[in-house]
């Protein structure tokens, strides 16, 4: 009888140990799953900013005279003198001005010609043209620049990390 009791005690102990291990494993995975979802929600938070992309400076009389002829006569540039007019856009944590511009242009099917950070000496994205309007199309020193909240950042677009509520203006300037 003692042998049978000992055998059953060992069997029950093994079953209890398996249940404890399975329970710990289950709780451990649930804990990690909840943490992963919280981290994922934090990463996918949507932030919002306002975006304007304009080129109204080319229509000042002294500038328009210098604009390339093919840009004057075609339907290349929108009549409203902008590609985006204070549009609310969404972005994620750590997105830059360049990230937002790239996504916006892709979404709206606006051509964007740029150099990648690895392709120039400044190691930041460089905008050559938006919507068919390129640097040098009006004067040798004309091109695309940007402001965030009315200030000109001291970094390139791909280095300027956005914050919720920022106001981004990308504009074609003529020097």
Protein backbone atom coordinates (compact mmCIF):
# COMPACT_ATOMS: atom_id res chain seq x y z
CA UNK A 1 0.00 0.00 0.00
CA UNK A 2 2.79 2.40 0.83
CA UNK A 3 4.29 1.93 -2.59
CA UNK A 4 1.02 2.85 -4.28
CA UNK A 5 0.59 5.93 -2.07
CA UNK A 6 4.12 7.10 -2.77
CA UNK A 7 3.61 6.54 -6.50
CA UNK A 8 0.36 8.58 -6.46
CA UNK A 9 2.01 11.36 -4.43
CA UNK A 10 4.82 11.55 -7.01
CA UNK A 11 2.28 11.55 -9.86
CA UNK A 12 0.19 14.29 -8.22
CA UNK A 13 3.33 16.30 -7.48
CA UNK A 14 4.40 16.10 -11.11
CA UNK A 15 0.93 17.14 -12.28
CA UNK A 16 0.89 20.05 -9.80
CA UNK A 17 4.36 21.13 -10.96
CA UNK A 18 3.24 21.03 -14.61
CA UNK A 19 0.16 23.13 -13.76
CA UNK A 20 2.30 25.68 -11.88
CA UNK A 21 4.80 25.93 -14.75
CA UNK A 22 2.02 26.26 -17.33
CA UNK A 23 0.30 28.94 -15.23
CA UNK A 24 3.54 30.91 -14.83
CA UNK A 25 4.23 30.64 -18.55
CA UNK A 26 0.70 31.80 -19.38
CA UNK A 27 0.90 34.81 -17.05
CA UNK A 28 4.35 35.69 -18.28
CA UNK A 29 3.14 35.78 -21.90
CA UNK A 30 0.04 37.77 -21.03
CA UNK A 31 2.19 40.29 -19.20
CA UNK A 32 4.51 40.71 -22.19
CA UNK A 33 1.59 40.90 -24.58
CA UNK A 34 0.05 43.77 -22.63
CA UNK A 35 3.38 45.61 -22.47
CA UNK A 36 3.93 45.15 -26.21
CA UNK A 37 0.49 46.59 -26.97
CA UNK A 38 1.15 49.60 -24.74
CA UNK A 39 4.49 50.24 -26.45
CA UNK A 40 2.88 49.80 -29.85
CA UNK A 41 0.09 52.26 -28.99
CA UNK A 42 2.67 54.81 -27.86
CA UNK A 43 4.66 54.42 -31.09
CA UNK A 44 1.54 54.72 -33.26
CA UNK A 45 0.18 57.84 -31.59
CA UNK A 46 -0.88 60.29 -34.21
CA UNK A 47 0.36 63.81 -33.93
CA UNK A 48 -0.96 66.64 -36.05
CA UNK A 49 0.60 69.62 -37.79
CA UNK A 50 -0.41 72.15 -40.43
CA UNK A 51 1.39 72.04 -43.77
CA UNK A 52 1.65 74.67 -46.48
CA UNK A 53 3.70 74.30 -49.67
CA UNK A 54 3.60 77.49 -51.72
CA UNK A 55 5.36 79.29 -54.51
CA UNK A 56 3.58 82.66 -54.57
CA UNK A 57 6.87 84.61 -54.65
CA UNK A 58 7.34 83.73 -58.33
CA UNK A 59 4.27 85.80 -59.23
CA UNK A 60 5.74 89.11 -58.07
CA UNK A 61 6.29 91.13 -61.26
CA UNK A 62 10.10 91.26 -61.09
CA UNK A 63 10.26 87.51 -60.41
CA UNK A 64 7.67 86.38 -62.96
CA UNK A 65 9.70 87.98 -65.75
CA UNK A 66 12.60 85.70 -64.84
CA UNK A 67 10.54 82.52 -64.53
CA UNK A 68 11.28 79.86 -67.16
CA UNK A 69 8.88 80.18 -70.10
CA UNK A 70 7.65 76.58 -69.95
CA UNK A 71 6.43 77.23 -66.41
CA UNK A 72 4.49 80.35 -67.46
CA UNK A 73 2.48 78.75 -70.23
CA UNK A 74 1.75 75.24 -69.04
CA UNK A 75 -0.66 73.73 -66.57
CA UNK A 76 2.27 72.49 -64.52
CA UNK A 77 1.74 74.80 -61.54
CA UNK A 78 -1.62 75.07 -59.76
CA UNK A 79 -3.43 78.41 -60.16
CA UNK A 80 -3.81 78.78 -56.41
CA UNK A 81 0.01 79.22 -56.13
CA UNK A 82 0.41 76.33 -53.70
CA UNK A 83 0.43 72.55 -53.44
CA UNK A 84 -0.86 72.57 -49.86
CA UNK A 85 -2.69 75.41 -48.14
CA UNK A 86 -2.55 75.07 -44.35
CA UNK A 87 -3.67 71.43 -44.46
CA UNK A 88 -3.85 69.39 -41.28
CA UNK A 89 -1.65 66.33 -41.54
CA UNK A 90 -0.94 63.41 -39.21
CA UNK A 91 2.48 62.11 -38.34
CA UNK A 92 4.16 59.78 -35.87
CA UNK A 93 6.64 60.33 -33.09
CA UNK A 94 10.13 61.26 -34.35
CA UNK A 95 8.93 62.13 -37.87
CA UNK A 96 10.76 64.99 -39.56
CA UNK A 97 9.69 67.78 -41.90
CA UNK A 98 11.09 65.71 -44.76
CA UNK A 99 9.13 62.60 -43.71
CA UNK A 100 5.91 64.62 -43.76
CA UNK A 101 6.73 66.26 -47.11
CA UNK A 102 7.58 62.91 -48.69
CA UNK A 103 4.37 61.27 -47.44
CA UNK A 104 2.22 64.24 -48.45
CA UNK A 105 3.68 64.36 -51.97
CA UNK A 106 3.23 60.61 -52.42
CA UNK A 107 -0.35 60.77 -51.15
CA UNK A 108 -1.28 63.73 -53.38
CA UNK A 109 0.72 62.49 -56.39
CA UNK A 110 2.96 65.57 -56.42
CA UNK A 111 6.41 65.03 -57.89
CA UNK A 112 9.27 65.46 -55.42
CA UNK A 113 12.88 65.53 -56.54
CA UNK A 114 15.48 65.45 -53.77
CA UNK A 115 18.91 64.31 -52.78
CA UNK A 116 19.15 61.77 -49.98
CA UNK A 117 21.32 62.69 -46.99
CA UNK A 118 23.97 60.26 -48.19
CA UNK A 119 24.13 62.04 -51.57
CA UNK A 120 25.33 65.48 -50.47
CA UNK A 121 27.94 67.06 -48.21
CA UNK A 122 25.36 68.40 -45.74
CA UNK A 123 24.12 64.89 -44.82
CA UNK A 124 20.47 65.97 -44.89
CA UNK A 125 17.76 65.67 -47.52
CA UNK A 126 17.97 68.45 -50.09
CA UNK A 127 14.86 69.45 -52.05
CA UNK A 128 15.62 70.08 -55.71
CA UNK A 129 12.04 70.37 -56.98
CA UNK A 130 8.42 70.04 -55.96
CA UNK A 131 5.61 69.66 -58.47
CA UNK A 132 7.88 70.52 -61.39
CA UNK A 133 9.22 73.76 -59.86
CA UNK A 134 12.97 73.42 -59.39
CA UNK A 135 15.75 75.36 -57.80
CA UNK A 136 17.03 77.87 -60.34
CA UNK A 137 13.74 78.04 -62.29
CA UNK A 138 13.39 81.74 -61.54
CA UNK A 139 16.89 82.93 -60.65
CA UNK A 140 20.14 81.14 -59.98
CA UNK A 141 19.48 81.54 -56.27
CA UNK A 142 15.85 80.46 -56.17
CA UNK A 143 14.79 77.28 -54.43
CA UNK A 144 12.84 75.55 -51.69
CA UNK A 145 13.20 76.48 -48.01
CA UNK A 146 11.04 75.91 -44.95
CA UNK A 147 9.93 77.28 -41.59
CA UNK A 148 8.47 75.61 -38.53
CA UNK A 149 6.25 77.80 -36.38
CA UNK A 150 7.57 80.86 -38.23
CA UNK A 151 11.24 80.12 -37.52
CA UNK A 152 13.90 78.94 -39.95
CA UNK A 153 15.53 75.91 -38.29
CA UNK A 154 19.31 75.64 -38.43
CA UNK A 155 19.06 72.06 -39.69
CA UNK A 156 17.92 70.43 -42.89
CA UNK A 157 14.41 69.05 -43.35
CA UNK A 158 15.42 65.47 -42.61
CA UNK A 159 16.94 66.53 -39.29
CA UNK A 160 14.08 68.71 -38.04
CA UNK A 161 11.93 66.49 -35.78
CA UNK A 162 8.32 67.65 -35.52
CA UNK A 163 6.18 68.16 -32.45
CA UNK A 164 2.43 67.96 -32.14
CA UNK A 165 0.77 71.18 -33.36
CA UNK A 166 3.69 72.47 -35.43
CA UNK A 167 3.01 74.78 -38.36
CA UNK A 168 5.20 73.86 -41.36
CA UNK A 169 5.59 76.18 -44.34
CA UNK A 170 7.67 75.00 -47.29
CA UNK A 171 8.04 77.74 -49.87
CA UNK A 172 9.87 78.60 -53.05
CA UNK A 173 12.04 81.60 -52.38
CA UNK A 174 13.85 83.93 -54.71
CA UNK A 175 17.05 85.74 -53.67
